[in-house]
Amino acid sequence: MIKTYEEQIARYEKEKNEISAEAKGYQKQYDDINLFDDQFDMTDALLTIAIAMLGITSLTQKKWLLYFSGIASLTGIILGLAAFMKISLHSDFISKILG
């Protein structure tokens, strides 16, 4: 009986190491994909802000709001294109501001 349990323990230890290595590989893959997900979230937020600001600009006719909207939309487009091309432009500063 003891021999059977020792064999099971050895088998479980071996499986534990294999499963742990596989899980670490999946975690790395998830982290790589999640980086670009954050870039797409930043793109979405910046383009939404730009659209809202353009609406306010059309009502107030303020040029500085137009420039702000242009900068926000340009930044959003650059982040989105970079994420599609798998170029990491992840900004912790922007992530902290947006949530």
PDB file of N, CA and C in Angstrom:
ATOM      1  N   MET A   1       0.821  -1.188   0.000  1.00  0.00           N
ATOM      2  CA  MET A   1       0.000   0.000   0.000  1.00  0.00           C
ATOM      3  C   MET A   1       0.880   1.273   0.000  1.00  0.00           C
ATOM      4  N   ILE A   2       1.939   1.248   0.815  1.00  0.00           N
ATOM      5  CA  ILE A   2       2.829   2.399   0.893  1.00  0.00           C
ATOM      6  C   ILE A   2       3.508   2.628  -0.447  1.00  0.00           C
ATOM      7  N   LYS A   3       3.903   1.551  -1.091  1.00  0.00           N
ATOM      8  CA  LYS A   3       4.568   1.658  -2.394  1.00  0.00           C
ATOM      9  C   LYS A   3       3.622   2.294  -3.420  1.00  0.00           C
ATOM     10  N   THR A   4       2.366   1.923  -3.387  1.00  0.00           N
ATOM     11  CA  THR A   4       1.371   2.485  -4.303  1.00  0.00           C
ATOM     12  C   THR A   4       1.235   3.992  -4.080  1.00  0.00           C
ATOM     13  N   TYR A   5       1.162   4.396  -2.833  1.00  0.00           N
ATOM     14  CA  TYR A   5       1.043   5.817  -2.521  1.00  0.00           C
ATOM     15  C   TYR A   5       2.299   6.587  -2.914  1.00  0.00           C
ATOM     16  N   GLU A   6       3.454   5.999  -2.724  1.00  0.00           N
ATOM     17  CA  GLU A   6       4.699   6.653  -3.119  1.00  0.00           C
ATOM     18  C   GLU A   6       4.771   6.831  -4.634  1.00  0.00           C
ATOM     19  N   GLU A   7       4.279   5.830  -5.368  1.00  0.00           N
ATOM     20  CA  GLU A   7       4.229   5.948  -6.829  1.00  0.00           C
ATOM     21  C   GLU A   7       3.276   7.068  -7.246  1.00  0.00           C
ATOM     22  N   GLN A   8       2.149   7.144  -6.564  1.00  0.00           N
ATOM     23  CA  GLN A   8       1.193   8.209  -6.884  1.00  0.00           C
ATOM     24  C   GLN A   8       1.773   9.585  -6.558  1.00  0.00           C
ATOM     25  N   ILE A   9       2.478   9.668  -5.424  1.00  0.00           N
ATOM     26  CA  ILE A   9       3.107  10.936  -5.061  1.00  0.00           C
ATOM     27  C   ILE A   9       4.127  11.349  -6.109  1.00  0.00           C
ATOM     28  N   ALA A  10       4.931  10.414  -6.568  1.00  0.00           N
ATOM     29  CA  ALA A  10       5.945  10.706  -7.589  1.00  0.00           C
ATOM     30  C   ALA A  10       5.272  11.144  -8.888  1.00  0.00           C
ATOM     31  N   ARG A  11       4.191  10.474  -9.241  1.00  0.00           N
ATOM     32  CA  ARG A  11       3.464  10.826 -10.468  1.00  0.00           C
ATOM     33  C   ARG A  11       2.853  12.227 -10.351  1.00  0.00           C
ATOM     34  N   TYR A  12       2.260  12.516  -9.197  1.00  0.00           N
ATOM     35  CA  TYR A  12       1.654  13.838  -9.002  1.00  0.00           C
ATOM     36  C   TYR A  12       2.700  14.943  -8.988  1.00  0.00           C
ATOM     37  N   GLU A  13       3.868  14.688  -8.411  1.00  0.00           N
ATOM     38  CA  GLU A  13       4.945  15.675  -8.425  1.00  0.00           C
ATOM     39  C   GLU A  13       5.393  15.968  -9.859  1.00  0.00           C
ATOM     40  N   LYS A  14       5.501  14.914 -10.661  1.00  0.00           N
ATOM     41  CA  LYS A  14       5.895  15.082 -12.058  1.00  0.00           C
ATOM     42  C   LYS A  14       4.834  15.873 -12.820  1.00  0.00           C
ATOM     43  N   GLU A  15       3.572  15.515 -12.622  1.00  0.00           N
ATOM     44  CA  GLU A  15       2.479  16.215 -13.291  1.00  0.00           C
ATOM     45  C   GLU A  15       2.387  17.663 -12.824  1.00  0.00           C
ATOM     46  N   LYS A  16       2.647  17.903 -11.541  1.00  0.00           N
ATOM     47  CA  LYS A  16       2.590  19.259 -11.001  1.00  0.00           C
ATOM     48  C   LYS A  16       3.599  20.162 -11.707  1.00  0.00           C
ATOM     49  N   ASN A  17       4.805  19.657 -11.921  1.00  0.00           N
ATOM     50  CA  ASN A  17       5.830  20.455 -12.593  1.00  0.00           C
ATOM     51  C   ASN A  17       5.467  20.720 -14.053  1.00  0.00           C
ATOM     52  N   GLU A  18       4.922  19.714 -14.718  1.00  0.00           N
ATOM     53  CA  GLU A  18       4.509  19.887 -16.116  1.00  0.00           C
ATOM     54  C   GLU A  18       3.370  20.896 -16.235  1.00  0.00           C
ATOM     55  N   ILE A  19       2.385  20.771 -15.352  1.00  0.00           N
ATOM     56  CA  ILE A  19       1.240  21.678 -15.391  1.00  0.00           C
ATOM     57  C   ILE A  19       1.676  23.099 -15.038  1.00  0.00           C
ATOM     58  N   SER A  20       2.586  23.225 -14.087  1.00  0.00           N
ATOM     59  CA  SER A  20       3.096  24.545 -13.706  1.00  0.00           C
ATOM     60  C   SER A  20       3.822  25.209 -14.868  1.00  0.00           C
ATOM     61  N   ALA A  21       4.637  24.462 -15.581  1.00  0.00           N
ATOM     62  CA  ALA A  21       5.356  25.021 -16.733  1.00  0.00           C
ATOM     63  C   ALA A  21       4.374  25.431 -17.831  1.00  0.00           C
ATOM     64  N   GLU A  22       3.355  24.623 -18.048  1.00  0.00           N
ATOM     65  CA  GLU A  22       2.349  24.948 -19.063  1.00  0.00           C
ATOM     66  C   GLU A  22       1.562  26.201 -18.665  1.00  0.00           C
ATOM     67  N   ALA A  23       1.219  26.306 -17.378  1.00  0.00           N
ATOM     68  CA  ALA A  23       0.473  27.472 -16.899  1.00  0.00           C
ATOM     69  C   ALA A  23       1.305  28.749 -17.031  1.00  0.00           C
ATOM     70  N   LYS A  24       2.603  28.674 -16.762  1.00  0.00           N
ATOM     71  CA  LYS A  24       3.460  29.846 -16.911  1.00  0.00           C
ATOM     72  C   LYS A  24       3.533  30.287 -18.370  1.00  0.00           C
ATOM     73  N   GLY A  25       3.538  29.330 -19.293  1.00  0.00           N
ATOM     74  CA  GLY A  25       3.514  29.666 -20.720  1.00  0.00           C
ATOM     75  C   GLY A  25       2.230  30.375 -21.106  1.00  0.00           C
ATOM     76  N   TYR A  26       1.107  29.879 -20.591  1.00  0.00           N
ATOM     77  CA  TYR A  26      -0.176  30.529 -20.866  1.00  0.00           C
ATOM     78  C   TYR A  26      -0.246  31.917 -20.240  1.00  0.00           C
ATOM     79  N   GLN A  27       0.331  32.072 -19.044  1.00  0.00           N
ATOM     80  CA  GLN A  27       0.330  33.374 -18.388  1.00  0.00           C
ATOM     81  C   GLN A  27       1.125  34.388 -19.203  1.00  0.00           C
ATOM     82  N   LYS A  28       2.253  33.984 -19.743  1.00  0.00           N
ATOM     83  CA  LYS A  28       3.064  34.883 -20.576  1.00  0.00           C
ATOM     84  C   LYS A  28       2.297  35.269 -21.841  1.00  0.00           C
ATOM     85  N   GLN A  29       1.638  34.280 -22.447  1.00  0.00           N
ATOM     86  CA  GLN A  29       0.851  34.550 -23.651  1.00  0.00           C
ATOM     87  C   GLN A  29      -0.289  35.525 -23.328  1.00  0.00           C
ATOM     88  N   TYR A  30      -0.944  35.333 -22.199  1.00  0.00           N
ATOM     89  CA  TYR A  30      -2.021  36.233 -21.781  1.00  0.00           C
ATOM     90  C   TYR A  30      -1.500  37.641 -21.559  1.00  0.00           C
ATOM     91  N   ASP A  31      -0.381  37.769 -20.886  1.00  0.00           N
ATOM     92  CA  ASP A  31       0.198  39.095 -20.632  1.00  0.00           C
ATOM     93  C   ASP A  31       0.554  39.804 -21.931  1.00  0.00           C
ATOM     94  N   ASP A  32       1.085  39.062 -22.903  1.00  0.00           N
ATOM     95  CA  ASP A  32       1.425  39.662 -24.193  1.00  0.00           C
ATOM     96  C   ASP A  32       0.179  40.164 -24.920  1.00  0.00           C
ATOM     97  N   ILE A  33      -0.876  39.382 -24.889  1.00  0.00           N
ATOM     98  CA  ILE A  33      -2.124  39.775 -25.548  1.00  0.00           C
ATOM     99  C   ILE A  33      -2.790  40.918 -24.792  1.00  0.00           C
ATOM    100  N   ASN A  34      -2.757  40.869 -23.476  1.00  0.00           N
ATOM    101  CA  ASN A  34      -3.418  41.881 -22.657  1.00  0.00           C
ATOM    102  C   ASN A  34      -2.785  43.251 -22.839  1.00  0.00           C
ATOM    103  N   LEU A  35      -1.517  43.307 -23.157  1.00  0.00           N
ATOM    104  CA  LEU A  35      -0.851  44.581 -23.411  1.00  0.00           C
ATOM    105  C   LEU A  35      -1.537  45.317 -24.559  1.00  0.00           C
ATOM    106  N   PHE A  36      -1.841  44.598 -25.611  1.00  0.00           N
ATOM    107  CA  PHE A  36      -2.490  45.224 -26.757  1.00  0.00           C
ATOM    108  C   PHE A  36      -3.963  45.515 -26.464  1.00  0.00           C
ATOM    109  N   ASP A  37      -4.579  44.737 -25.597  1.00  0.00           N
ATOM    110  CA  ASP A  37      -5.950  45.015 -25.194  1.00  0.00           C
ATOM    111  C   ASP A  37      -6.015  46.366 -24.487  1.00  0.00           C
ATOM    112  N   ASP A  38      -5.041  46.644 -23.653  1.00  0.00           N
ATOM    113  CA  ASP A  38      -4.998  47.943 -22.980  1.00  0.00           C
ATOM    114  C   ASP A  38      -4.812  49.076 -23.981  1.00  0.00           C
ATOM    115  N   GLN A  39      -4.007  48.844 -25.009  1.00  0.00           N
ATOM    116  CA  GLN A  39      -3.838  49.876 -26.039  1.00  0.00           C
ATOM    117  C   GLN A  39      -5.144  50.136 -26.771  1.00  0.00           C
ATOM    118  N   PHE A  40      -5.900  49.078 -27.067  1.00  0.00           N
ATOM    119  CA  PHE A  40      -7.190  49.274 -27.727  1.00  0.00           C
ATOM    120  C   PHE A  40      -8.161  50.009 -26.805  1.00  0.00           C
ATOM    121  N   ASP A  41      -8.100  49.723 -25.503  1.00  0.00           N
ATOM    122  CA  ASP A  41      -8.955  50.442 -24.559  1.00  0.00           C
ATOM    123  C   ASP A  41      -8.599  51.920 -24.532  1.00  0.00           C
ATOM    124  N   MET A  42      -7.303  52.223 -24.544  1.00  0.00           N
ATOM    125  CA  MET A  42      -6.877  53.624 -24.573  1.00  0.00           C
ATOM    126  C   MET A  42      -7.326  54.298 -25.865  1.00  0.00           C
ATOM    127  N   THR A  43      -7.246  53.566 -26.984  1.00  0.00           N
ATOM    128  CA  THR A  43      -7.697  54.103 -28.268  1.00  0.00           C
ATOM    129  C   THR A  43      -9.174  54.456 -28.206  1.00  0.00           C
ATOM    130  N   ASP A  44      -9.962  53.539 -27.686  1.00  0.00           N
ATOM    131  CA  ASP A  44     -11.403  53.745 -27.573  1.00  0.00           C
ATOM    132  C   ASP A  44     -11.712  54.961 -26.706  1.00  0.00           C
ATOM    133  N   ALA A  45     -11.041  55.072 -25.580  1.00  0.00           N
ATOM    134  CA  ALA A  45     -11.292  56.193 -24.677  1.00  0.00           C
ATOM    135  C   ALA A  45     -10.899  57.530 -25.313  1.00  0.00           C
ATOM    136  N   LEU A  46      -9.738  57.567 -25.943  1.00  0.00           N
ATOM    137  CA  LEU A  46      -9.285  58.822 -26.548  1.00  0.00           C
ATOM    138  C   LEU A  46     -10.169  59.250 -27.708  1.00  0.00           C
ATOM    139  N   LEU A  47     -10.608  58.301 -28.519  1.00  0.00           N
ATOM    140  CA  LEU A  47     -11.488  58.661 -29.641  1.00  0.00           C
ATOM    141  C   LEU A  47     -12.863  59.096 -29.148  1.00  0.00           C
ATOM    142  N   THR A  48     -13.346  58.496 -28.073  1.00  0.00           N
ATOM    143  CA  THR A  48     -14.621  58.919 -27.494  1.00  0.00           C
ATOM    144  C   THR A  48     -14.522  60.336 -26.950  1.00  0.00           C
ATOM    145  N   ILE A  49     -13.416  60.626 -26.263  1.00  0.00           N
ATOM    146  CA  ILE A  49     -13.194  61.985 -25.754  1.00  0.00           C
ATOM    147  C   ILE A  49     -13.123  62.973 -26.913  1.00  0.00           C
ATOM    148  N   ALA A  50     -12.413  62.597 -27.974  1.00  0.00           N
ATOM    149  CA  ALA A  50     -12.274  63.494 -29.122  1.00  0.00           C
ATOM    150  C   ALA A  50     -13.623  63.782 -29.773  1.00  0.00           C
ATOM    151  N   ILE A  51     -14.456  62.765 -29.917  1.00  0.00           N
ATOM    152  CA  ILE A  51     -15.782  62.971 -30.533  1.00  0.00           C
ATOM    153  C   ILE A  51     -16.635  63.893 -29.669  1.00  0.00           C
ATOM    154  N   ALA A  52     -16.614  63.664 -28.366  1.00  0.00           N
ATOM    155  CA  ALA A  52     -17.392  64.523 -27.468  1.00  0.00           C
ATOM    156  C   ALA A  52     -16.884  65.959 -27.517  1.00  0.00           C
ATOM    157  N   MET A  53     -15.575  66.125 -27.532  1.00  0.00           N
ATOM    158  CA  MET A  53     -15.001  67.467 -27.577  1.00  0.00           C
ATOM    159  C   MET A  53     -15.296  68.156 -28.910  1.00  0.00           C
ATOM    160  N   LEU A  54     -15.342  67.399 -29.987  1.00  0.00           N
ATOM    161  CA  LEU A  54     -15.704  67.995 -31.283  1.00  0.00           C
ATOM    162  C   LEU A  54     -17.146  68.493 -31.271  1.00  0.00           C
ATOM    163  N   GLY A  55     -18.022  67.765 -30.596  1.00  0.00           N
ATOM    164  CA  GLY A  55     -19.405  68.225 -30.456  1.00  0.00           C
ATOM    165  C   GLY A  55     -19.491  69.520 -29.673  1.00  0.00           C
ATOM    166  N   ILE A  56     -18.722  69.601 -28.596  1.00  0.00           N
ATOM    167  CA  ILE A  56     -18.700  70.830 -27.804  1.00  0.00           C
ATOM    168  C   ILE A  56     -18.061  71.958 -28.604  1.00  0.00           C
ATOM    169  N   THR A  57     -17.044  71.617 -29.383  1.00  0.00           N
ATOM    170  CA  THR A  57     -16.383  72.628 -30.219  1.00  0.00           C
ATOM    171  C   THR A  57     -17.352  73.225 -31.229  1.00  0.00           C
ATOM    172  N   SER A  58     -18.188  72.388 -31.814  1.00  0.00           N
ATOM    173  CA  SER A  58     -19.133  72.911 -32.805  1.00  0.00           C
ATOM    174  C   SER A  58     -20.157  73.848 -32.173  1.00  0.00           C
ATOM    175  N   LEU A  59     -20.445  73.655 -30.893  1.00  0.00           N
ATOM    176  CA  LEU A  59     -21.396  74.547 -30.214  1.00  0.00           C
ATOM    177  C   LEU A  59     -20.735  75.834 -29.734  1.00  0.00           C
ATOM    178  N   THR A  60     -19.511  75.747 -29.253  1.00  0.00           N
ATOM    179  CA  THR A  60     -18.858  76.928 -28.660  1.00  0.00           C
ATOM    180  C   THR A  60     -17.983  77.690 -29.635  1.00  0.00           C
ATOM    181  N   GLN A  61     -17.567  77.063 -30.724  1.00  0.00           N
ATOM    182  CA  GLN A  61     -16.711  77.693 -31.729  1.00  0.00           C
ATOM    183  C   GLN A  61     -15.352  78.130 -31.158  1.00  0.00           C
ATOM    184  N   LYS A  62     -14.842  77.364 -30.188  1.00  0.00           N
ATOM    185  CA  LYS A  62     -13.538  77.668 -29.587  1.00  0.00           C
ATOM    186  C   LYS A  62     -12.456  76.887 -30.321  1.00  0.00           C
ATOM    187  N   LYS A  63     -11.437  77.609 -30.789  1.00  0.00           N
ATOM    188  CA  LYS A  63     -10.372  76.944 -31.550  1.00  0.00           C
ATOM    189  C   LYS A  63      -9.527  76.028 -30.679  1.00  0.00           C
ATOM    190  N   TRP A  64      -9.300  76.376 -29.416  1.00  0.00           N
ATOM    191  CA  TRP A  64      -8.460  75.543 -28.571  1.00  0.00           C
ATOM    192  C   TRP A  64      -9.110  74.185 -28.317  1.00  0.00           C
ATOM    193  N   LEU A  65     -10.440  74.139 -28.294  1.00  0.00           N
ATOM    194  CA  LEU A  65     -11.126  72.858 -28.162  1.00  0.00           C
ATOM    195  C   LEU A  65     -10.938  72.010 -29.419  1.00  0.00           C
ATOM    196  N   LEU A  66     -10.902  72.663 -30.562  1.00  0.00           N
ATOM    197  CA  LEU A  66     -10.655  71.953 -31.813  1.00  0.00           C
ATOM    198  C   LEU A  66      -9.263  71.345 -31.812  1.00  0.00           C
ATOM    199  N   TYR A  67      -8.273  72.098 -31.359  1.00  0.00           N
ATOM    200  CA  TYR A  67      -6.904  71.587 -31.311  1.00  0.00           C
ATOM    201  C   TYR A  67      -6.778  70.436 -30.301  1.00  0.00           C
ATOM    202  N   PHE A  68      -7.431  70.605 -29.154  1.00  0.00           N
ATOM    203  CA  PHE A  68      -7.416  69.538 -28.151  1.00  0.00           C
ATOM    204  C   PHE A  68      -8.046  68.258 -28.706  1.00  0.00           C
ATOM    205  N   SER A  69      -9.167  68.418 -29.396  1.00  0.00           N
ATOM    206  CA  SER A  69      -9.843  67.264 -29.998  1.00  0.00           C
ATOM    207  C   SER A  69      -8.965  66.605 -31.054  1.00  0.00           C
ATOM    208  N   GLY A  70      -8.288  67.428 -31.839  1.00  0.00           N
ATOM    209  CA  GLY A  70      -7.390  66.887 -32.858  1.00  0.00           C
ATOM    210  C   GLY A  70      -6.240  66.103 -32.257  1.00  0.00           C
ATOM    211  N   ILE A  71      -5.665  66.621 -31.185  1.00  0.00           N
ATOM    212  CA  ILE A  71      -4.561  65.908 -30.517  1.00  0.00           C
ATOM    213  C   ILE A  71      -5.052  64.599 -29.913  1.00  0.00           C
ATOM    214  N   ALA A  72      -6.223  64.631 -29.264  1.00  0.00           N
ATOM    215  CA  ALA A  72      -6.773  63.416 -28.661  1.00  0.00           C
ATOM    216  C   ALA A  72      -7.083  62.362 -29.724  1.00  0.00           C
ATOM    217  N   SER A  73      -7.680  62.794 -30.837  1.00  0.00           N
ATOM    218  CA  SER A  73      -8.024  61.824 -31.882  1.00  0.00           C
ATOM    219  C   SER A  73      -6.765  61.286 -32.572  1.00  0.00           C
ATOM    220  N   LEU A  74      -5.793  62.130 -32.803  1.00  0.00           N
ATOM    221  CA  LEU A  74      -4.546  61.682 -33.423  1.00  0.00           C
ATOM    222  C   LEU A  74      -3.813  60.683 -32.523  1.00  0.00           C
ATOM    223  N   THR A  75      -3.778  60.971 -31.234  1.00  0.00           N
ATOM    224  CA  THR A  75      -3.153  60.041 -30.284  1.00  0.00           C
ATOM    225  C   THR A  75      -3.896  58.707 -30.277  1.00  0.00           C
ATOM    226  N   GLY A  76      -5.215  58.752 -30.291  1.00  0.00           N
ATOM    227  CA  GLY A  76      -6.008  57.531 -30.309  1.00  0.00           C
ATOM    228  C   GLY A  76      -5.782  56.714 -31.570  1.00  0.00           C
ATOM    229  N   ILE A  77      -5.703  57.386 -32.702  1.00  0.00           N
ATOM    230  CA  ILE A  77      -5.473  56.689 -33.971  1.00  0.00           C
ATOM    231  C   ILE A  77      -4.085  56.051 -33.981  1.00  0.00           C
ATOM    232  N   ILE A  78      -3.092  56.763 -33.490  1.00  0.00           N
ATOM    233  CA  ILE A  78      -1.729  56.210 -33.451  1.00  0.00           C
ATOM    234  C   ILE A  78      -1.670  54.987 -32.543  1.00  0.00           C
ATOM    235  N   LEU A  79      -2.295  55.072 -31.365  1.00  0.00           N
ATOM    236  CA  LEU A  79      -2.303  53.920 -30.458  1.00  0.00           C
ATOM    237  C   LEU A  79      -3.028  52.723 -31.079  1.00  0.00           C
ATOM    238  N   GLY A  80      -4.135  52.991 -31.760  1.00  0.00           N
ATOM    239  CA  GLY A  80      -4.885  51.909 -32.390  1.00  0.00           C
ATOM    240  C   GLY A  80      -4.117  51.236 -33.510  1.00  0.00           C
ATOM    241  N   LEU A  81      -3.510  52.028 -34.361  1.00  0.00           N
ATOM    242  CA  LEU A  81      -2.718  51.462 -35.456  1.00  0.00           C
ATOM    243  C   LEU A  81      -1.513  50.687 -34.923  1.00  0.00           C
ATOM    244  N   ALA A  82      -0.886  51.222 -33.887  1.00  0.00           N
ATOM    245  CA  ALA A  82       0.261  50.521 -33.296  1.00  0.00           C
ATOM    246  C   ALA A  82      -0.167  49.187 -32.699  1.00  0.00           C
ATOM    247  N   ALA A  83      -1.336  49.153 -32.070  1.00  0.00           N
ATOM    248  CA  ALA A  83      -1.826  47.889 -31.499  1.00  0.00           C
ATOM    249  C   ALA A  83      -2.135  46.878 -32.597  1.00  0.00           C
ATOM    250  N   PHE A  84      -2.709  47.329 -33.705  1.00  0.00           N
ATOM    251  CA  PHE A  84      -2.970  46.418 -34.816  1.00  0.00           C
ATOM    252  C   PHE A  84      -1.681  45.860 -35.408  1.00  0.00           C
ATOM    253  N   MET A  85      -0.643  46.681 -35.409  1.00  0.00           N
ATOM    254  CA  MET A  85       0.640  46.232 -35.954  1.00  0.00           C
ATOM    255  C   MET A  85       1.519  45.572 -34.889  1.00  0.00           C
ATOM    256  N   LYS A  86       0.947  45.371 -33.682  1.00  0.00           N
ATOM    257  CA  LYS A  86       1.627  44.730 -32.553  1.00  0.00           C
ATOM    258  C   LYS A  86       2.890  45.473 -32.144  1.00  0.00           C
ATOM    259  N   ILE A  87       2.790  46.791 -32.132  1.00  0.00           N
ATOM    260  CA  ILE A  87       3.853  47.647 -31.635  1.00  0.00           C
ATOM    261  C   ILE A  87       3.400  48.150 -30.270  1.00  0.00           C
ATOM    262  N   SER A  88       4.198  47.929 -29.281  1.00  0.00           N
ATOM    263  CA  SER A  88       3.808  48.288 -27.924  1.00  0.00           C
ATOM    264  C   SER A  88       4.091  49.759 -27.657  1.00  0.00           C
ATOM    265  N   LEU A  89       3.034  50.535 -27.528  1.00  0.00           N
ATOM    266  CA  LEU A  89       3.132  51.931 -27.130  1.00  0.00           C
ATOM    267  C   LEU A  89       2.377  52.129 -25.826  1.00  0.00           C
ATOM    268  N   HIS A  90       2.397  51.120 -25.011  1.00  0.00           N
ATOM    269  CA  HIS A  90       1.643  51.126 -23.764  1.00  0.00           C
ATOM    270  C   HIS A  90       2.169  52.225 -22.847  1.00  0.00           C
ATOM    271  N   SER A  91       1.289  53.068 -22.402  1.00  0.00           N
ATOM    272  CA  SER A  91       1.674  54.187 -21.551  1.00  0.00           C
ATOM    273  C   SER A  91       1.028  54.030 -20.181  1.00  0.00           C
ATOM    274  N   ASP A  92       1.850  53.865 -19.170  1.00  0.00           N
ATOM    275  CA  ASP A  92       1.307  53.761 -17.818  1.00  0.00           C
ATOM    276  C   ASP A  92       0.667  55.065 -17.377  1.00  0.00           C
ATOM    277  N   PHE A  93       1.204  56.182 -17.851  1.00  0.00           N
ATOM    278  CA  PHE A  93       0.643  57.482 -17.503  1.00  0.00           C
ATOM    279  C   PHE A  93      -0.800  57.601 -18.007  1.00  0.00           C
ATOM    280  N   ILE A  94      -1.023  57.248 -19.258  1.00  0.00           N
ATOM    281  CA  ILE A  94      -2.368  57.323 -19.830  1.00  0.00           C
ATOM    282  C   ILE A  94      -3.273  56.301 -19.153  1.00  0.00           C
ATOM    283  N   SER A  95      -2.748  55.124 -18.823  1.00  0.00           N
ATOM    284  CA  SER A  95      -3.546  54.105 -18.140  1.00  0.00           C
ATOM    285  C   SER A  95      -4.021  54.597 -16.790  1.00  0.00           C
ATOM    286  N   LYS A  96      -3.180  55.297 -16.069  1.00  0.00           N
ATOM    287  CA  LYS A  96      -3.575  55.826 -14.755  1.00  0.00           C
ATOM    288  C   LYS A  96      -4.646  56.905 -14.901  1.00  0.00           C
ATOM    289  N   ILE A  97      -4.532  57.728 -15.934  1.00  0.00           N
ATOM    290  CA  ILE A  97      -5.516  58.792 -16.137  1.00  0.00           C
ATOM    291  C   ILE A  97      -6.869  58.201 -16.518  1.00  0.00           C
ATOM    292  N   LEU A  98      -6.851  57.203 -17.422  1.00  0.00           N
ATOM    293  CA  LEU A  98      -8.106  56.649 -17.931  1.00  0.00           C
ATOM    294  C   LEU A  98      -8.738  55.625 -17.020  1.00  0.00           C
ATOM    295  N   GLY A  99      -8.050  55.202 -16.020  1.00  0.00           N
ATOM    296  CA  GLY A  99      -8.738  54.305 -15.092  1.00  0.00           C
ATOM    297  C   GLY A  99      -7.934  53.190 -14.642  1.00  0.00           C
TER     298      GLY A  99
END
